[in-house]
PDB file of N, CA and C in Angstrom:
ATOM      1  N   UNK A   1    -103.152-187.122 -27.988  1.00  0.00           N
ATOM      2  CA  UNK A   1    -102.580-186.499 -26.887  1.00  0.00           C
ATOM      3  C   UNK A   1    -101.620-185.486 -27.550  1.00  0.00           C
ATOM      4  N   UNK A   2    -101.836-184.175 -27.040  1.00  0.00           N
ATOM      5  CA  UNK A   2    -100.753-183.073 -27.380  1.00  0.00           C
ATOM      6  C   UNK A   2     -99.540-183.098 -26.363  1.00  0.00           C
ATOM      7  N   UNK A   3     -98.452-183.322 -27.208  1.00  0.00           N
ATOM      8  CA  UNK A   3     -97.046-183.657 -26.407  1.00  0.00           C
ATOM      9  C   UNK A   3     -96.474-182.181 -25.942  1.00  0.00           C
ATOM     10  N   UNK A   4     -96.428-181.311 -27.046  1.00  0.00           N
ATOM     11  CA  UNK A   4     -95.814-179.915 -26.482  1.00  0.00           C
ATOM     12  C   UNK A   4     -96.536-178.704 -27.333  1.00  0.00           C
ATOM     13  N   UNK A   5     -95.997-177.615 -26.927  1.00  0.00           N
ATOM     14  CA  UNK A   5     -96.668-176.420 -27.460  1.00  0.00           C
ATOM     15  C   UNK A   5     -96.765-176.310 -28.958  1.00  0.00           C
ATOM     16  N   UNK A   6     -95.805-176.801 -29.676  1.00  0.00           N
ATOM     17  CA  UNK A   6     -95.651-176.734 -31.146  1.00  0.00           C
ATOM     18  C   UNK A   6     -96.734-177.613 -31.692  1.00  0.00           C
ATOM     19  N   UNK A   7     -96.994-178.695 -31.207  1.00  0.00           N
ATOM     20  CA  UNK A   7     -97.996-179.456 -31.746  1.00  0.00           C
ATOM     21  C   UNK A   7     -99.619-178.714 -31.305  1.00  0.00           C
ATOM     22  N   UNK A   8     -99.624-178.139 -30.244  1.00  0.00           N
ATOM     23  CA  UNK A   8    -100.964-177.463 -30.087  1.00  0.00           C
ATOM     24  C   UNK A   8    -101.095-176.146 -31.094  1.00  0.00           C
ATOM     25  N   UNK A   9     -99.926-175.559 -31.599  1.00  0.00           N
ATOM     26  CA  UNK A   9     -99.885-174.562 -32.577  1.00  0.00           C
ATOM     27  C   UNK A   9    -100.458-174.953 -33.735  1.00  0.00           C
ATOM     28  N   UNK A  10     -99.825-176.120 -34.282  1.00  0.00           N
ATOM     29  CA  UNK A  10    -100.046-176.830 -35.507  1.00  0.00           C
ATOM     30  C   UNK A  10    -101.441-177.287 -35.644  1.00  0.00           C
ATOM     31  N   UNK A  11    -102.070-177.760 -34.487  1.00  0.00           N
ATOM     32  CA  UNK A  11    -103.477-178.235 -34.307  1.00  0.00           C
ATOM     33  C   UNK A  11    -104.444-177.046 -34.471  1.00  0.00           C
ATOM     34  N   UNK A  12    -104.142-176.079 -33.872  1.00  0.00           N
ATOM     35  CA  UNK A  12    -104.813-174.825 -33.793  1.00  0.00           C
ATOM     36  C   UNK A  12    -104.936-174.149 -35.265  1.00  0.00           C
ATOM     37  N   UNK A  13    -103.794-173.961 -35.748  1.00  0.00           N
ATOM     38  CA  UNK A  13    -103.683-173.468 -37.112  1.00  0.00           C
ATOM     39  C   UNK A  13    -104.386-174.204 -38.002  1.00  0.00           C
ATOM     40  N   UNK A  14    -104.286-175.625 -37.942  1.00  0.00           N
ATOM     41  CA  UNK A  14    -105.172-176.468 -39.054  1.00  0.00           C
ATOM     42  C   UNK A  14    -106.491-176.283 -38.679  1.00  0.00           C
ATOM     43  N   UNK A  15    -107.062-175.918 -37.660  1.00  0.00           N
ATOM     44  CA  UNK A  15    -108.617-175.785 -37.573  1.00  0.00           C
ATOM     45  C   UNK A  15    -108.685-174.276 -38.066  1.00  0.00           C
ATOM     46  N   UNK A  16    -107.953-173.362 -37.828  1.00  0.00           N
ATOM     47  CA  UNK A  16    -108.145-171.920 -38.255  1.00  0.00           C
ATOM     48  C   UNK A  16    -108.300-172.032 -39.867  1.00  0.00           C
ATOM     49  N   UNK A  17    -107.388-172.644 -40.410  1.00  0.00           N
ATOM     50  CA  UNK A  17    -107.502-172.838 -41.949  1.00  0.00           C
ATOM     51  C   UNK A  17    -108.996-173.354 -42.348  1.00  0.00           C
ATOM     52  N   UNK A  18    -109.284-174.411 -41.544  1.00  0.00           N
ATOM     53  CA  UNK A  18    -110.599-175.165 -41.928  1.00  0.00           C
ATOM     54  C   UNK A  18    -111.809-174.073 -41.686  1.00  0.00           C
ATOM     55  N   UNK A  19    -111.523-173.360 -40.540  1.00  0.00           N
ATOM     56  CA  UNK A  19    -112.630-172.257 -40.472  1.00  0.00           C
ATOM     57  C   UNK A  19    -112.747-171.198 -41.719  1.00  0.00           C
ATOM     58  N   UNK A  20    -111.427-170.873 -41.899  1.00  0.00           N
ATOM     59  CA  UNK A  20    -111.417-169.790 -42.941  1.00  0.00           C
ATOM     60  C   UNK A  20    -112.146-170.260 -44.276  1.00  0.00           C
ATOM     61  N   UNK A  21    -111.720-171.541 -44.683  1.00  0.00           N
ATOM     62  CA  UNK A  21    -112.565-172.020 -45.776  1.00  0.00           C
ATOM     63  C   UNK A  21    -113.768-172.139 -45.632  1.00  0.00           C
ATOM     64  N   UNK A  22    -114.446-172.527 -44.427  1.00  0.00           N
ATOM     65  CA  UNK A  22    -115.834-172.700 -44.212  1.00  0.00           C
ATOM     66  C   UNK A  22    -116.455-171.308 -44.322  1.00  0.00           C
ATOM     67  N   UNK A  23    -115.902-170.319 -43.785  1.00  0.00           N
ATOM     68  CA  UNK A  23    -116.418-169.072 -43.846  1.00  0.00           C
ATOM     69  C   UNK A  23    -116.521-168.592 -45.451  1.00  0.00           C
ATOM     70  N   UNK A  24    -115.768-169.054 -46.176  1.00  0.00           N
ATOM     71  CA  UNK A  24    -115.689-168.547 -47.696  1.00  0.00           C
ATOM     72  C   UNK A  24    -116.880-169.546 -48.233  1.00  0.00           C
ATOM     73  N   UNK A  25    -117.190-170.809 -47.953  1.00  0.00           N
ATOM     74  CA  UNK A  25    -118.127-171.640 -48.337  1.00  0.00           C
ATOM     75  C   UNK A  25    -119.453-170.889 -47.747  1.00  0.00           C
ATOM     76  N   UNK A  26    -119.507-170.513 -46.641  1.00  0.00           N
ATOM     77  CA  UNK A  26    -120.622-169.846 -45.952  1.00  0.00           C
ATOM     78  C   UNK A  26    -121.110-168.649 -46.843  1.00  0.00           C
ATOM     79  N   UNK A  27    -120.060-167.726 -47.286  1.00  0.00           N
ATOM     80  CA  UNK A  27    -120.535-166.600 -48.153  1.00  0.00           C
ATOM     81  C   UNK A  27    -121.055-167.026 -49.362  1.00  0.00           C
ATOM     82  N   UNK A  28    -120.445-167.972 -49.988  1.00  0.00           N
ATOM     83  CA  UNK A  28    -120.851-168.421 -51.245  1.00  0.00           C
ATOM     84  C   UNK A  28    -122.286-168.990 -51.099  1.00  0.00           C
ATOM     85  N   UNK A  29    -122.592-169.904 -50.196  1.00  0.00           N
ATOM     86  CA  UNK A  29    -123.903-170.420 -49.904  1.00  0.00           C
ATOM     87  C   UNK A  29    -124.987-169.193 -49.567  1.00  0.00           C
ATOM     88  N   UNK A  30    -124.672-168.210 -49.121  1.00  0.00           N
ATOM     89  CA  UNK A  30    -125.408-167.081 -48.875  1.00  0.00           C
ATOM     90  C   UNK A  30    -125.769-166.540 -50.187  1.00  0.00           C
ATOM     91  N   UNK A  31    -124.904-166.392 -51.005  1.00  0.00           N
ATOM     92  CA  UNK A  31    -125.006-165.752 -52.281  1.00  0.00           C
ATOM     93  C   UNK A  31    -125.852-166.632 -53.273  1.00  0.00           C
ATOM     94  N   UNK A  32    -125.680-167.826 -52.989  1.00  0.00           N
ATOM     95  CA  UNK A  32    -126.713-168.857 -53.641  1.00  0.00           C
ATOM     96  C   UNK A  32    -128.109-169.163 -53.086  1.00  0.00           C
ATOM     97  N   UNK A  33    -128.171-168.532 -51.987  1.00  0.00           N
ATOM     98  CA  UNK A  33    -129.428-168.626 -51.204  1.00  0.00           C
ATOM     99  C   UNK A  33    -129.685-170.034 -50.738  1.00  0.00           C
ATOM    100  N   UNK A  34    -128.608-170.773 -50.390  1.00  0.00           N
ATOM    101  CA  UNK A  34    -128.716-172.077 -49.904  1.00  0.00           C
ATOM    102  C   UNK A  34    -128.664-172.155 -48.475  1.00  0.00           C
ATOM    103  N   UNK A  35    -129.871-171.977 -47.755  1.00  0.00           N
ATOM    104  CA  UNK A  35    -129.834-171.951 -46.392  1.00  0.00           C
ATOM    105  C   UNK A  35    -129.558-173.170 -45.477  1.00  0.00           C
ATOM    106  N   UNK A  36    -129.835-174.394 -46.221  1.00  0.00           N
ATOM    107  CA  UNK A  36    -129.613-175.555 -45.492  1.00  0.00           C
ATOM    108  C   UNK A  36    -128.041-175.846 -45.432  1.00  0.00           C
ATOM    109  N   UNK A  37    -127.351-175.444 -46.625  1.00  0.00           N
ATOM    110  CA  UNK A  37    -125.853-175.531 -46.488  1.00  0.00           C
ATOM    111  C   UNK A  37    -125.202-174.563 -45.595  1.00  0.00           C
ATOM    112  N   UNK A  38    -125.908-173.473 -45.541  1.00  0.00           N
ATOM    113  CA  UNK A  38    -125.376-172.382 -44.399  1.00  0.00           C
ATOM    114  C   UNK A  38    -125.551-172.983 -43.101  1.00  0.00           C
ATOM    115  N   UNK A  39    -126.651-173.618 -42.776  1.00  0.00           N
ATOM    116  CA  UNK A  39    -126.763-174.074 -41.327  1.00  0.00           C
ATOM    117  C   UNK A  39    -125.701-175.112 -41.020  1.00  0.00           C
ATOM    118  N   UNK A  40    -125.631-175.966 -42.180  1.00  0.00           N
ATOM    119  CA  UNK A  40    -124.535-177.177 -41.925  1.00  0.00           C
ATOM    120  C   UNK A  40    -123.146-176.584 -41.876  1.00  0.00           C
ATOM    121  N   UNK A  41    -122.759-175.715 -42.670  1.00  0.00           N
ATOM    122  CA  UNK A  41    -121.412-175.187 -42.574  1.00  0.00           C
ATOM    123  C   UNK A  41    -121.234-174.198 -41.170  1.00  0.00           C
ATOM    124  N   UNK A  42    -122.422-173.502 -40.648  1.00  0.00           N
ATOM    125  CA  UNK A  42    -122.270-172.715 -39.492  1.00  0.00           C
ATOM    126  C   UNK A  42    -121.867-173.808 -38.447  1.00  0.00           C
ATOM    127  N   UNK A  43    -122.599-175.107 -38.433  1.00  0.00           N
ATOM    128  CA  UNK A  43    -122.356-175.988 -37.398  1.00  0.00           C
ATOM    129  C   UNK A  43    -121.091-176.392 -37.400  1.00  0.00           C
ATOM    130  N   UNK A  44    -120.508-176.931 -38.661  1.00  0.00           N
ATOM    131  CA  UNK A  44    -119.189-177.429 -38.584  1.00  0.00           C
ATOM    132  C   UNK A  44    -118.049-176.245 -38.049  1.00  0.00           C
ATOM    133  N   UNK A  45    -118.423-175.129 -38.232  1.00  0.00           N
ATOM    134  CA  UNK A  45    -117.635-173.904 -37.887  1.00  0.00           C
ATOM    135  C   UNK A  45    -117.698-173.818 -36.181  1.00  0.00           C
ATOM    136  N   UNK A  46    -118.781-174.287 -35.904  1.00  0.00           N
ATOM    137  CA  UNK A  46    -118.936-174.083 -34.186  1.00  0.00           C
ATOM    138  C   UNK A  46    -118.110-175.148 -33.588  1.00  0.00           C
ATOM    139  N   UNK A  47    -118.178-176.368 -34.451  1.00  0.00           N
ATOM    140  CA  UNK A  47    -117.537-177.468 -33.854  1.00  0.00           C
ATOM    141  C   UNK A  47    -116.175-177.376 -33.910  1.00  0.00           C
ATOM    142  N   UNK A  48    -115.583-176.836 -34.945  1.00  0.00           N
ATOM    143  CA  UNK A  48    -114.187-176.477 -34.794  1.00  0.00           C
ATOM    144  C   UNK A  48    -113.791-175.479 -34.097  1.00  0.00           C
ATOM    145  N   UNK A  49    -114.495-174.516 -33.845  1.00  0.00           N
ATOM    146  CA  UNK A  49    -114.154-173.540 -32.527  1.00  0.00           C
ATOM    147  C   UNK A  49    -114.196-174.327 -31.110  1.00  0.00           C
ATOM    148  N   UNK A  50    -115.146-175.324 -30.956  1.00  0.00           N
ATOM    149  CA  UNK A  50    -115.279-175.923 -29.832  1.00  0.00           C
ATOM    150  C   UNK A  50    -113.971-176.881 -29.631  1.00  0.00           C
ATOM    151  N   UNK A  51    -113.636-177.413 -30.940  1.00  0.00           N
ATOM    152  CA  UNK A  51    -112.341-178.450 -30.818  1.00  0.00           C
ATOM    153  C   UNK A  51    -111.107-177.516 -30.525  1.00  0.00           C
ATOM    154  N   UNK A  52    -110.906-176.384 -30.987  1.00  0.00           N
ATOM    155  CA  UNK A  52    -109.829-175.612 -30.608  1.00  0.00           C
ATOM    156  C   UNK A  52    -109.589-175.330 -29.066  1.00  0.00           C
ATOM    157  N   UNK A  53    -110.842-174.987 -28.517  1.00  0.00           N
ATOM    158  CA  UNK A  53    -110.964-174.601 -27.138  1.00  0.00           C
ATOM    159  C   UNK A  53    -110.699-176.004 -26.317  1.00  0.00           C
ATOM    160  N   UNK A  54    -111.159-177.146 -26.851  1.00  0.00           N
ATOM    161  CA  UNK A  54    -110.774-178.312 -26.087  1.00  0.00           C
ATOM    162  C   UNK A  54    -109.244-178.725 -26.126  1.00  0.00           C
ATOM    163  N   UNK A  55    -108.623-178.337 -27.477  1.00  0.00           N
ATOM    164  CA  UNK A  55    -107.101-178.584 -27.524  1.00  0.00           C
ATOM    165  C   UNK A  55    -106.278-177.742 -26.641  1.00  0.00           C
ATOM    166  N   UNK A  56    -106.876-176.483 -26.503  1.00  0.00           N
ATOM    167  CA  UNK A  56    -106.251-175.681 -25.378  1.00  0.00           C
ATOM    168  C   UNK A  56    -106.345-176.089 -24.035  1.00  0.00           C
ATOM    169  N   UNK A  57    -107.650-176.556 -23.630  1.00  0.00           N
ATOM    170  CA  UNK A  57    -107.938-176.960 -22.263  1.00  0.00           C
ATOM    171  C   UNK A  57    -107.118-178.016 -21.985  1.00  0.00           C
ATOM    172  N   UNK A  58    -106.909-179.131 -22.854  1.00  0.00           N
ATOM    173  CA  UNK A  58    -106.372-180.331 -22.697  1.00  0.00           C
ATOM    174  C   UNK A  58    -104.942-180.050 -22.575  1.00  0.00           C
ATOM    175  N   UNK A  59    -104.034-179.029 -23.162  1.00  0.00           N
ATOM    176  CA  UNK A  59    -102.921-178.780 -23.222  1.00  0.00           C
ATOM    177  C   UNK A  59    -102.784-178.090 -21.797  1.00  0.00           C
ATOM    178  N   UNK A  60    -103.632-177.088 -21.406  1.00  0.00           N
ATOM    179  CA  UNK A  60    -103.521-176.650 -20.103  1.00  0.00           C
ATOM    180  C   UNK A  60    -103.517-177.546 -19.026  1.00  0.00           C
ATOM    181  N   UNK A  61    -104.387-178.339 -19.096  1.00  0.00           N
ATOM    182  CA  UNK A  61    -104.489-179.464 -17.940  1.00  0.00           C
ATOM    183  C   UNK A  61    -103.080-180.377 -17.892  1.00  0.00           C
ATOM    184  N   UNK A  62    -102.463-180.551 -19.006  1.00  0.00           N
ATOM    185  CA  UNK A  62    -101.251-181.349 -19.114  1.00  0.00           C
ATOM    186  C   UNK A  62    -100.081-180.542 -18.483  1.00  0.00           C
ATOM    187  N   UNK A  63    -100.018-179.402 -18.692  1.00  0.00           N
ATOM    188  CA  UNK A  63     -98.878-178.610 -18.194  1.00  0.00           C
ATOM    189  C   UNK A  63     -99.150-178.159 -16.807  1.00  0.00           C
ATOM    190  N   UNK A  64    -100.332-178.300 -16.105  1.00  0.00           N
ATOM    191  CA  UNK A  64    -100.517-177.809 -14.822  1.00  0.00           C
ATOM    192  C   UNK A  64     -99.545-178.776 -13.797  1.00  0.00           C
ATOM    193  N   UNK A  65     -99.140-179.966 -14.128  1.00  0.00           N
ATOM    194  CA  UNK A  65     -98.459-180.679 -13.325  1.00  0.00           C
ATOM    195  C   UNK A  65     -96.977-180.539 -13.454  1.00  0.00           C
ATOM    196  N   UNK A  66     -96.560-179.870 -14.704  1.00  0.00           N
ATOM    197  CA  UNK A  66     -95.080-179.912 -14.973  1.00  0.00           C
ATOM    198  C   UNK A  66     -94.865-178.295 -14.690  1.00  0.00           C
ATOM    199  N   UNK A  67     -94.058-178.018 -13.727  1.00  0.00           N
ATOM    200  CA  UNK A  67     -93.809-176.579 -13.218  1.00  0.00           C
ATOM    201  C   UNK A  67     -92.919-175.823 -14.412  1.00  0.00           C
ATOM    202  N   UNK A  68     -92.007-176.404 -14.848  1.00  0.00           N
ATOM    203  CA  UNK A  68     -90.983-175.796 -15.796  1.00  0.00           C
ATOM    204  C   UNK A  68     -91.763-175.599 -17.143  1.00  0.00           C
ATOM    205  N   UNK A  69     -92.507-176.392 -17.664  1.00  0.00           N
ATOM    206  CA  UNK A  69     -93.261-176.307 -19.006  1.00  0.00           C
ATOM    207  C   UNK A  69     -94.410-175.257 -18.723  1.00  0.00           C
ATOM    208  N   UNK A  70     -94.990-175.296 -17.261  1.00  0.00           N
ATOM    209  CA  UNK A  70     -96.062-174.231 -17.153  1.00  0.00           C
ATOM    210  C   UNK A  70     -95.398-172.785 -17.127  1.00  0.00           C
ATOM    211  N   UNK A  71     -94.260-172.650 -16.746  1.00  0.00           N
ATOM    212  CA  UNK A  71     -93.690-171.346 -16.557  1.00  0.00           C
ATOM    213  C   UNK A  71     -93.060-171.032 -18.030  1.00  0.00           C
ATOM    214  N   UNK A  72     -92.664-171.871 -18.842  1.00  0.00           N
ATOM    215  CA  UNK A  72     -92.240-171.282 -20.211  1.00  0.00           C
ATOM    216  C   UNK A  72     -93.491-171.011 -21.126  1.00  0.00           C
ATOM    217  N   UNK A  73     -94.498-171.788 -21.103  1.00  0.00           N
ATOM    218  CA  UNK A  73     -95.716-171.809 -22.043  1.00  0.00           C
ATOM    219  C   UNK A  73     -96.845-171.083 -21.235  1.00  0.00           C
ATOM    220  N   UNK A  74     -96.867-170.912 -20.085  1.00  0.00           N
ATOM    221  CA  UNK A  74     -98.217-170.529 -19.631  1.00  0.00           C
ATOM    222  C   UNK A  74     -98.704-169.057 -20.124  1.00  0.00           C
ATOM    223  N   UNK A  75     -97.422-168.061 -20.277  1.00  0.00           N
ATOM    224  CA  UNK A  75     -98.077-166.689 -20.914  1.00  0.00           C
ATOM    225  C   UNK A  75     -98.464-166.969 -22.195  1.00  0.00           C
ATOM    226  N   UNK A  76     -97.808-167.797 -23.026  1.00  0.00           N
ATOM    227  CA  UNK A  76     -98.289-167.922 -24.457  1.00  0.00           C
ATOM    228  C   UNK A  76     -99.702-168.641 -24.633  1.00  0.00           C
ATOM    229  N   UNK A  77     -99.823-169.605 -23.614  1.00  0.00           N
ATOM    230  CA  UNK A  77    -101.058-170.356 -23.617  1.00  0.00           C
ATOM    231  C   UNK A  77    -102.262-169.417 -23.299  1.00  0.00           C
ATOM    232  N   UNK A  78    -101.938-168.494 -22.242  1.00  0.00           N
ATOM    233  CA  UNK A  78    -103.054-167.473 -21.849  1.00  0.00           C
ATOM    234  C   UNK A  78    -103.370-166.571 -22.991  1.00  0.00           C
ATOM    235  N   UNK A  79    -102.338-166.088 -23.837  1.00  0.00           N
ATOM    236  CA  UNK A  79    -102.514-165.266 -24.883  1.00  0.00           C
ATOM    237  C   UNK A  79    -103.452-166.084 -25.955  1.00  0.00           C
ATOM    238  N   UNK A  80    -103.162-167.113 -26.349  1.00  0.00           N
ATOM    239  CA  UNK A  80    -103.991-168.140 -27.090  1.00  0.00           C
ATOM    240  C   UNK A  80    -105.198-168.223 -26.653  1.00  0.00           C
ATOM    241  N   UNK A  81    -105.414-168.542 -25.533  1.00  0.00           N
ATOM    242  CA  UNK A  81    -106.727-168.588 -24.846  1.00  0.00           C
ATOM    243  C   UNK A  81    -107.669-167.431 -24.861  1.00  0.00           C
ATOM    244  N   UNK A  82    -106.983-166.387 -24.522  1.00  0.00           N
ATOM    245  CA  UNK A  82    -107.795-165.001 -24.701  1.00  0.00           C
ATOM    246  C   UNK A  82    -108.259-164.763 -25.994  1.00  0.00           C
ATOM    247  N   UNK A  83    -107.245-164.957 -26.918  1.00  0.00           N
ATOM    248  CA  UNK A  83    -107.559-164.743 -28.344  1.00  0.00           C
ATOM    249  C   UNK A  83    -108.858-165.572 -28.891  1.00  0.00           C
ATOM    250  N   UNK A  84    -108.893-166.800 -28.479  1.00  0.00           N
ATOM    251  CA  UNK A  84    -110.077-167.558 -28.917  1.00  0.00           C
ATOM    252  C   UNK A  84    -111.453-167.174 -28.279  1.00  0.00           C
ATOM    253  N   UNK A  85    -111.346-166.524 -26.881  1.00  0.00           N
ATOM    254  CA  UNK A  85    -112.547-166.192 -26.214  1.00  0.00           C
ATOM    255  C   UNK A  85    -112.929-165.028 -26.752  1.00  0.00           C
ATOM    256  N   UNK A  86    -112.195-163.989 -27.169  1.00  0.00           N
ATOM    257  CA  UNK A  86    -112.496-162.710 -27.966  1.00  0.00           C
ATOM    258  C   UNK A  86    -113.295-163.123 -29.325  1.00  0.00           C
ATOM    259  N   UNK A  87    -112.422-163.855 -29.917  1.00  0.00           N
ATOM    260  CA  UNK A  87    -112.977-164.306 -31.192  1.00  0.00           C
ATOM    261  C   UNK A  87    -114.484-164.877 -31.175  1.00  0.00           C
ATOM    262  N   UNK A  88    -114.808-165.703 -30.199  1.00  0.00           N
ATOM    263  CA  UNK A  88    -115.900-166.191 -30.055  1.00  0.00           C
ATOM    264  C   UNK A  88    -117.052-165.203 -29.582  1.00  0.00           C
ATOM    265  N   UNK A  89    -116.619-164.257 -28.724  1.00  0.00           N
ATOM    266  CA  UNK A  89    -117.492-163.093 -28.485  1.00  0.00           C
ATOM    267  C   UNK A  89    -117.792-162.378 -29.716  1.00  0.00           C
ATOM    268  N   UNK A  90    -116.797-162.071 -30.550  1.00  0.00           N
ATOM    269  CA  UNK A  90    -117.243-161.368 -31.820  1.00  0.00           C
ATOM    270  C   UNK A  90    -118.312-161.975 -32.684  1.00  0.00           C
ATOM    271  N   UNK A  91    -117.945-163.406 -32.721  1.00  0.00           N
ATOM    272  CA  UNK A  91    -118.947-164.293 -33.543  1.00  0.00           C
ATOM    273  C   UNK A  91    -120.290-164.172 -33.056  1.00  0.00           C
ATOM    274  N   UNK A  92    -120.646-163.891 -31.763  1.00  0.00           N
ATOM    275  CA  UNK A  92    -121.979-163.851 -31.299  1.00  0.00           C
ATOM    276  C   UNK A  92    -122.539-162.463 -31.535  1.00  0.00           C
ATOM    277  N   UNK A  93    -121.662-161.405 -31.741  1.00  0.00           N
ATOM    278  CA  UNK A  93    -122.210-160.102 -32.110  1.00  0.00           C
ATOM    279  C   UNK A  93    -122.751-160.067 -33.734  1.00  0.00           C
ATOM    280  N   UNK A  94    -122.203-160.894 -34.464  1.00  0.00           N
ATOM    281  CA  UNK A  94    -122.627-160.747 -35.940  1.00  0.00           C
ATOM    282  C   UNK A  94    -124.087-160.997 -36.249  1.00  0.00           C
TER     283      UNK A  94
END
């Protein structure tokens, strides 16, 4: 359970760091022409992106009932949510 916005940011940053390292591994696997590993790493990357969206949605549903918290973090949460929607659209274009 995510208790506050700072915990959400920590979880999202942790997943982002894992995604960055997976992308580096994918590039190395492409250089080695290891297509099985590329597929596995791509699936892990997709799962991490889904996990980030789930974290955001969980926190969003949590603060809907708390007026003060939704007023304080609502705009930051929408910015964070828009960032990951745009990022996913860019991945589909690659």
